[in-house]
Amino acid sequence: QVKLVESGGGLVQAGGSLRLSCAASEHTFSSYAMGWFRQAPGKEREFVAAISWTGSNTDYTDSVKGRFTISRDKAKNTVYLQMNMLKPEDTAVYYCAVRETAFSRRYYSTLQDYNYWGQGTQVTVSS
């Protein structure tokens, strides 16, 4: 069973930055892709960013392109989401997710692709 722990959320003013971290612990796979999703109040959980096992391939939802950057440190089993130029509409609970994969350069961009989820971290952007 893979355990995921997110951190780094908080309250920030519009235009500010936050860096989220997600550490995968206990039983991790030999190779796995990771992603970030978010869920705002009253809305469905949506895709934000994804990264391949190698870290060479990434994907972003259009609304965060140019502002958010996903990266990973395989040695630490950790994925990061650097969020810059934050907007009030970025306010949500952010979740990281993991799935085992045999394709080291592939990323996954839908909820159904992932097997394991963290508990989430709140990000609030004030106007």
N, C-alpha and C. Protein backbone atom coordinates (compact mmCIF):
# COMPACT_ATOMS: atom_id res chain seq x y z
N GLN A 1 0.84 -1.19 0.00
CA GLN A 1 0.00 0.00 0.00
C GLN A 1 0.88 1.24 0.00
N VAL A 2 0.64 2.13 -0.93
CA VAL A 2 1.40 3.36 -1.04
C VAL A 2 0.73 4.43 -0.19
N LYS A 3 1.52 5.13 0.58
CA LYS A 3 1.01 6.24 1.37
C LYS A 3 1.54 7.55 0.81
N LEU A 4 0.65 8.52 0.61
CA LEU A 4 1.03 9.81 0.06
C LEU A 4 0.71 10.90 1.06
N VAL A 5 1.66 11.79 1.29
CA VAL A 5 1.46 12.87 2.25
C VAL A 5 1.80 14.18 1.57
N GLU A 6 0.77 15.05 1.44
CA GLU A 6 0.97 16.36 0.85
C GLU A 6 1.30 17.39 1.92
N SER A 7 2.02 18.42 1.51
CA SER A 7 2.31 19.54 2.39
C SER A 7 2.56 20.78 1.56
N GLY A 8 2.57 21.93 2.22
CA GLY A 8 2.90 23.17 1.53
C GLY A 8 1.73 24.08 1.23
N GLY A 9 0.53 23.63 1.50
CA GLY A 9 -0.62 24.48 1.26
C GLY A 9 -0.68 25.64 2.25
N GLY A 10 -1.59 26.56 1.99
CA GLY A 10 -1.76 27.69 2.89
C GLY A 10 -2.55 28.80 2.26
N LEU A 11 -2.49 29.97 2.91
CA LEU A 11 -3.20 31.16 2.45
C LEU A 11 -2.18 32.11 1.83
N VAL A 12 -2.49 32.60 0.64
CA VAL A 12 -1.59 33.50 -0.06
C VAL A 12 -2.41 34.53 -0.81
N GLN A 13 -1.84 35.71 -1.00
CA GLN A 13 -2.53 36.73 -1.78
C GLN A 13 -2.39 36.45 -3.27
N ALA A 14 -3.33 36.97 -4.03
CA ALA A 14 -3.26 36.84 -5.48
C ALA A 14 -1.92 37.37 -5.98
N GLY A 15 -1.31 36.64 -6.91
CA GLY A 15 -0.01 37.00 -7.43
C GLY A 15 1.14 36.35 -6.69
N GLY A 16 0.84 35.73 -5.57
CA GLY A 16 1.87 35.08 -4.77
C GLY A 16 2.19 33.68 -5.25
N SER A 17 3.04 33.00 -4.47
CA SER A 17 3.52 31.67 -4.85
C SER A 17 3.42 30.71 -3.67
N LEU A 18 3.26 29.45 -4.01
CA LEU A 18 3.33 28.36 -3.05
C LEU A 18 4.00 27.17 -3.72
N ARG A 19 4.62 26.33 -2.91
CA ARG A 19 5.21 25.10 -3.42
C ARG A 19 4.63 23.92 -2.64
N LEU A 20 3.93 23.07 -3.34
CA LEU A 20 3.37 21.88 -2.73
C LEU A 20 4.34 20.72 -2.88
N SER A 21 4.34 19.86 -1.87
CA SER A 21 5.15 18.65 -1.92
C SER A 21 4.27 17.45 -1.64
N CYS A 22 4.65 16.33 -2.22
CA CYS A 22 3.93 15.09 -1.98
C CYS A 22 4.96 13.98 -1.87
N ALA A 23 5.05 13.40 -0.69
CA ALA A 23 6.01 12.34 -0.45
C ALA A 23 5.31 10.99 -0.46
N ALA A 24 5.83 10.08 -1.25
CA ALA A 24 5.31 8.72 -1.31
C ALA A 24 6.15 7.85 -0.39
N SER A 25 5.50 7.15 0.50
CA SER A 25 6.26 6.35 1.46
C SER A 25 5.70 4.94 1.54
N GLU A 26 6.29 4.16 2.36
CA GLU A 26 5.97 2.76 2.55
C GLU A 26 6.23 2.01 1.25
N HIS A 27 5.26 1.30 0.74
CA HIS A 27 5.55 0.44 -0.40
C HIS A 27 5.35 1.18 -1.71
N THR A 28 6.42 1.66 -2.30
CA THR A 28 6.34 2.29 -3.61
C THR A 28 6.67 1.27 -4.69
N PHE A 29 6.33 1.61 -5.90
CA PHE A 29 6.54 0.73 -7.04
C PHE A 29 7.93 0.97 -7.62
N SER A 30 8.33 0.06 -8.51
CA SER A 30 9.64 0.24 -9.14
C SER A 30 9.62 1.44 -10.07
N SER A 31 8.48 1.71 -10.69
CA SER A 31 8.35 2.92 -11.51
C SER A 31 6.90 3.38 -11.44
N TYR A 32 6.71 4.65 -11.24
CA TYR A 32 5.35 5.16 -11.11
C TYR A 32 5.27 6.61 -11.58
N ALA A 33 4.14 6.93 -12.16
CA ALA A 33 3.85 8.29 -12.57
C ALA A 33 3.08 8.99 -11.45
N MET A 34 3.15 10.30 -11.43
CA MET A 34 2.49 11.07 -10.39
C MET A 34 1.73 12.24 -10.98
N GLY A 35 0.73 12.68 -10.26
CA GLY A 35 -0.06 13.80 -10.74
C GLY A 35 -0.61 14.63 -9.60
N TRP A 36 -1.04 15.81 -9.95
CA TRP A 36 -1.73 16.72 -9.02
C TRP A 36 -3.13 17.01 -9.56
N PHE A 37 -4.08 16.98 -8.65
CA PHE A 37 -5.46 17.32 -8.97
C PHE A 37 -5.94 18.33 -7.92
N ARG A 38 -7.07 18.97 -8.18
CA ARG A 38 -7.62 19.89 -7.19
C ARG A 38 -9.14 19.84 -7.22
N GLN A 39 -9.71 20.22 -6.08
CA GLN A 39 -11.16 20.22 -5.98
C GLN A 39 -11.60 21.46 -5.21
N ALA A 40 -12.32 22.33 -5.90
CA ALA A 40 -12.86 23.53 -5.29
C ALA A 40 -14.24 23.21 -4.69
N PRO A 41 -14.69 24.00 -3.73
CA PRO A 41 -16.00 23.74 -3.11
C PRO A 41 -17.11 23.69 -4.14
N GLY A 42 -17.90 22.65 -4.09
CA GLY A 42 -19.03 22.51 -4.99
C GLY A 42 -18.68 22.08 -6.40
N LYS A 43 -17.41 21.77 -6.62
CA LYS A 43 -16.98 21.36 -7.97
C LYS A 43 -16.37 19.97 -7.93
N GLU A 44 -16.24 19.38 -9.10
CA GLU A 44 -15.63 18.07 -9.21
C GLU A 44 -14.11 18.20 -9.15
N ARG A 45 -13.47 17.12 -8.76
CA ARG A 45 -12.01 17.10 -8.76
C ARG A 45 -11.52 17.17 -10.20
N GLU A 46 -10.50 18.00 -10.43
CA GLU A 46 -10.01 18.20 -11.78
C GLU A 46 -8.50 18.04 -11.85
N PHE A 47 -8.05 17.70 -13.03
CA PHE A 47 -6.63 17.52 -13.30
C PHE A 47 -5.90 18.87 -13.28
N VAL A 48 -4.69 18.87 -12.71
CA VAL A 48 -3.86 20.07 -12.71
C VAL A 48 -2.56 19.82 -13.48
N ALA A 49 -1.82 18.79 -13.08
CA ALA A 49 -0.52 18.55 -13.71
C ALA A 49 -0.12 17.09 -13.52
N ALA A 50 0.72 16.59 -14.41
CA ALA A 50 1.18 15.21 -14.32
C ALA A 50 2.63 15.13 -14.78
N ILE A 51 3.32 14.09 -14.29
CA ILE A 51 4.72 13.92 -14.65
C ILE A 51 5.02 12.43 -14.80
N SER A 52 5.86 12.12 -15.74
CA SER A 52 6.24 10.73 -15.99
C SER A 52 7.24 10.24 -14.95
N TRP A 53 7.48 8.94 -14.97
CA TRP A 53 8.45 8.36 -14.05
C TRP A 53 9.83 9.00 -14.24
N THR A 54 10.24 9.18 -15.47
CA THR A 54 11.56 9.76 -15.72
C THR A 54 11.61 11.24 -15.38
N GLY A 55 10.45 11.88 -15.34
CA GLY A 55 10.43 13.32 -15.12
C GLY A 55 10.61 14.12 -16.39
N SER A 56 10.81 13.43 -17.50
CA SER A 56 11.09 14.13 -18.76
C SER A 56 9.85 14.63 -19.46
N ASN A 57 8.71 14.07 -19.12
CA ASN A 57 7.45 14.45 -19.76
C ASN A 57 6.45 14.94 -18.73
N THR A 58 5.82 16.06 -19.06
CA THR A 58 4.83 16.66 -18.16
C THR A 58 3.61 17.10 -18.94
N ASP A 59 2.54 17.32 -18.20
CA ASP A 59 1.29 17.78 -18.80
C ASP A 59 0.62 18.73 -17.80
N TYR A 60 -0.08 19.72 -18.33
CA TYR A 60 -0.76 20.69 -17.49
C TYR A 60 -2.15 21.00 -18.06
N THR A 61 -3.06 21.30 -17.16
CA THR A 61 -4.32 21.83 -17.65
C THR A 61 -4.08 23.25 -18.14
N ASP A 62 -4.87 23.68 -19.10
CA ASP A 62 -4.61 24.97 -19.76
C ASP A 62 -4.57 26.15 -18.78
N SER A 63 -5.40 26.11 -17.77
CA SER A 63 -5.52 27.27 -16.88
C SER A 63 -4.28 27.52 -16.03
N VAL A 64 -3.37 26.54 -15.94
CA VAL A 64 -2.17 26.72 -15.11
C VAL A 64 -0.89 26.77 -15.92
N LYS A 65 -0.99 26.56 -17.21
CA LYS A 65 0.21 26.58 -18.05
C LYS A 65 0.91 27.93 -17.96
N GLY A 66 2.22 27.89 -17.78
CA GLY A 66 2.99 29.11 -17.65
C GLY A 66 3.06 29.64 -16.23
N ARG A 67 2.25 29.08 -15.33
CA ARG A 67 2.25 29.52 -13.93
C ARG A 67 2.70 28.42 -12.98
N PHE A 68 2.32 27.18 -13.26
CA PHE A 68 2.64 26.05 -12.39
C PHE A 68 3.71 25.19 -13.04
N THR A 69 4.55 24.57 -12.20
CA THR A 69 5.56 23.65 -12.69
C THR A 69 5.58 22.41 -11.80
N ILE A 70 5.45 21.25 -12.43
CA ILE A 70 5.53 19.98 -11.70
C ILE A 70 6.93 19.42 -11.88
N SER A 71 7.46 18.84 -10.81
CA SER A 71 8.78 18.22 -10.88
C SER A 71 8.81 17.08 -9.87
N ARG A 72 9.85 16.26 -9.94
CA ARG A 72 9.95 15.15 -9.00
C ARG A 72 11.39 14.88 -8.64
N ASP A 73 11.56 14.32 -7.47
CA ASP A 73 12.86 13.87 -7.00
C ASP A 73 12.70 12.39 -6.68
N LYS A 74 13.18 11.55 -7.58
CA LYS A 74 12.96 10.11 -7.42
C LYS A 74 13.69 9.57 -6.20
N ALA A 75 14.83 10.13 -5.89
CA ALA A 75 15.58 9.66 -4.73
C ALA A 75 14.80 9.86 -3.43
N LYS A 76 13.96 10.90 -3.42
CA LYS A 76 13.16 11.21 -2.24
C LYS A 76 11.72 10.73 -2.37
N ASN A 77 11.38 10.10 -3.50
CA ASN A 77 10.00 9.66 -3.75
C ASN A 77 9.02 10.82 -3.56
N THR A 78 9.39 11.97 -4.07
CA THR A 78 8.62 13.18 -3.84
C THR A 78 8.32 13.90 -5.16
N VAL A 79 7.11 14.40 -5.27
CA VAL A 79 6.73 15.24 -6.40
C VAL A 79 6.38 16.62 -5.87
N TYR A 80 6.69 17.63 -6.66
CA TYR A 80 6.46 19.01 -6.25
C TYR A 80 5.54 19.72 -7.25
N LEU A 81 4.85 20.72 -6.76
CA LEU A 81 4.08 21.59 -7.64
C LEU A 81 4.38 23.02 -7.24
N GLN A 82 5.19 23.68 -8.06
CA GLN A 82 5.50 25.09 -7.84
C GLN A 82 4.41 25.92 -8.49
N MET A 83 3.75 26.72 -7.68
CA MET A 83 2.61 27.50 -8.16
C MET A 83 2.95 28.99 -8.04
N ASN A 84 3.05 29.65 -9.17
CA ASN A 84 3.34 31.08 -9.22
C ASN A 84 2.16 31.86 -9.78
N MET A 85 2.16 33.15 -9.56
CA MET A 85 1.09 34.03 -10.07
C MET A 85 -0.27 33.45 -9.73
N LEU A 86 -0.45 33.09 -8.49
CA LEU A 86 -1.70 32.46 -8.07
C LEU A 86 -2.88 33.41 -8.20
N LYS A 87 -4.01 32.81 -8.52
CA LYS A 87 -5.26 33.55 -8.70
C LYS A 87 -6.31 33.03 -7.72
N PRO A 88 -7.30 33.83 -7.40
CA PRO A 88 -8.36 33.34 -6.51
C PRO A 88 -9.02 32.07 -7.02
N GLU A 89 -9.11 31.91 -8.31
CA GLU A 89 -9.73 30.70 -8.87
C GLU A 89 -8.87 29.46 -8.71
N ASP A 90 -7.65 29.60 -8.22
CA ASP A 90 -6.81 28.45 -7.91
C ASP A 90 -7.13 27.88 -6.52
N THR A 91 -7.98 28.56 -5.78
CA THR A 91 -8.35 28.09 -4.45
C THR A 91 -9.04 26.73 -4.53
N ALA A 92 -8.50 25.78 -3.78
CA ALA A 92 -9.02 24.41 -3.81
C ALA A 92 -8.22 23.56 -2.84
N VAL A 93 -8.70 22.35 -2.63
CA VAL A 93 -7.88 21.32 -1.97
C VAL A 93 -7.10 20.62 -3.08
N TYR A 94 -5.81 20.54 -2.90
CA TYR A 94 -4.93 19.93 -3.90
C TYR A 94 -4.53 18.53 -3.44
N TYR A 95 -4.68 17.58 -4.36
CA TYR A 95 -4.38 16.18 -4.08
C TYR A 95 -3.28 15.68 -5.00
N CYS A 96 -2.37 14.89 -4.45
CA CYS A 96 -1.43 14.21 -5.33
C CYS A 96 -1.90 12.76 -5.50
N ALA A 97 -1.45 12.15 -6.57
CA ALA A 97 -1.86 10.80 -6.90
C ALA A 97 -0.70 10.05 -7.56
N VAL A 98 -0.75 8.74 -7.43
CA VAL A 98 0.31 7.88 -7.94
C VAL A 98 -0.29 6.69 -8.67
N ARG A 99 0.37 6.26 -9.73
CA ARG A 99 0.00 4.99 -10.35
C ARG A 99 1.26 4.29 -10.83
N GLU A 100 1.27 3.00 -10.70
CA GLU A 100 2.38 2.22 -11.23
C GLU A 100 2.30 2.24 -12.75
N THR A 101 3.47 2.24 -13.38
CA THR A 101 3.47 2.22 -14.84
C THR A 101 4.70 1.51 -15.36
N ALA A 102 4.52 0.83 -16.48
CA ALA A 102 5.64 0.18 -17.15
C ALA A 102 6.24 1.10 -18.21
N PHE A 103 5.60 2.25 -18.42
CA PHE A 103 6.02 3.19 -19.46
C PHE A 103 6.70 4.38 -18.79
N SER A 104 7.98 4.39 -18.78
CA SER A 104 8.73 5.36 -17.97
C SER A 104 8.57 6.80 -18.43
N ARG A 105 8.19 7.00 -19.68
CA ARG A 105 8.06 8.37 -20.18
C ARG A 105 6.62 8.84 -20.32
N ARG A 106 5.69 8.04 -19.86
CA ARG A 106 4.29 8.39 -20.02
C ARG A 106 3.75 9.10 -18.78
N TYR A 107 2.92 10.11 -19.01
CA TYR A 107 2.19 10.75 -17.91
C TYR A 107 0.71 10.40 -18.07
N TYR A 108 -0.04 10.65 -17.00
CA TYR A 108 -1.45 10.29 -16.97
C TYR A 108 -2.25 11.48 -16.46
N SER A 109 -3.33 11.82 -17.17
CA SER A 109 -3.98 13.09 -16.91
C SER A 109 -5.44 13.00 -16.52
N THR A 110 -5.91 11.81 -16.16
CA THR A 110 -7.31 11.70 -15.73
C THR A 110 -7.38 11.02 -14.36
N LEU A 111 -8.46 11.30 -13.64
CA LEU A 111 -8.63 10.72 -12.30
C LEU A 111 -8.61 9.20 -12.35
N GLN A 112 -9.21 8.64 -13.38
CA GLN A 112 -9.34 7.19 -13.45
C GLN A 112 -8.02 6.49 -13.67
N ASP A 113 -6.99 7.23 -14.05
CA ASP A 113 -5.68 6.64 -14.27
C ASP A 113 -4.96 6.27 -12.97
N TYR A 114 -5.38 6.86 -11.87
CA TYR A 114 -4.61 6.76 -10.63
C TYR A 114 -5.26 5.84 -9.60
N ASN A 115 -4.39 5.13 -8.87
CA ASN A 115 -4.84 4.17 -7.88
C ASN A 115 -4.74 4.67 -6.45
N TYR A 116 -3.76 5.54 -6.21
CA TYR A 116 -3.48 5.96 -4.85
C TYR A 116 -3.53 7.49 -4.75
N TRP A 117 -4.13 7.95 -3.66
CA TRP A 117 -4.35 9.38 -3.46
C TRP A 117 -3.91 9.81 -2.08
N GLY A 118 -3.46 11.05 -2.00
CA GLY A 118 -3.17 11.65 -0.70
C GLY A 118 -4.43 12.22 -0.10
N GLN A 119 -4.28 12.78 1.11
CA GLN A 119 -5.42 13.34 1.83
C GLN A 119 -5.75 14.77 1.41
N GLY A 120 -4.83 15.40 0.73
CA GLY A 120 -5.10 16.75 0.23
C GLY A 120 -4.52 17.84 1.12
N THR A 121 -4.23 18.98 0.50
CA THR A 121 -3.76 20.15 1.23
C THR A 121 -4.49 21.37 0.69
N GLN A 122 -4.95 22.22 1.60
CA GLN A 122 -5.76 23.37 1.21
C GLN A 122 -4.89 24.50 0.69
N VAL A 123 -5.29 25.05 -0.44
CA VAL A 123 -4.66 26.25 -0.99
C VAL A 123 -5.76 27.31 -1.11
N THR A 124 -5.54 28.44 -0.47
CA THR A 124 -6.50 29.54 -0.52
C THR A 124 -5.80 30.79 -1.03
N VAL A 125 -6.34 31.36 -2.09
CA VAL A 125 -5.76 32.55 -2.69
C VAL A 125 -6.75 33.71 -2.50
N SER A 126 -6.33 34.71 -1.78
CA SER A 126 -7.21 35.86 -1.53
C SER A 126 -7.00 36.93 -2.58
N SER A 127 -8.08 37.64 -2.87
CA SER A 127 -8.00 38.69 -3.90
C SER A 127 -7.59 40.03 -3.31
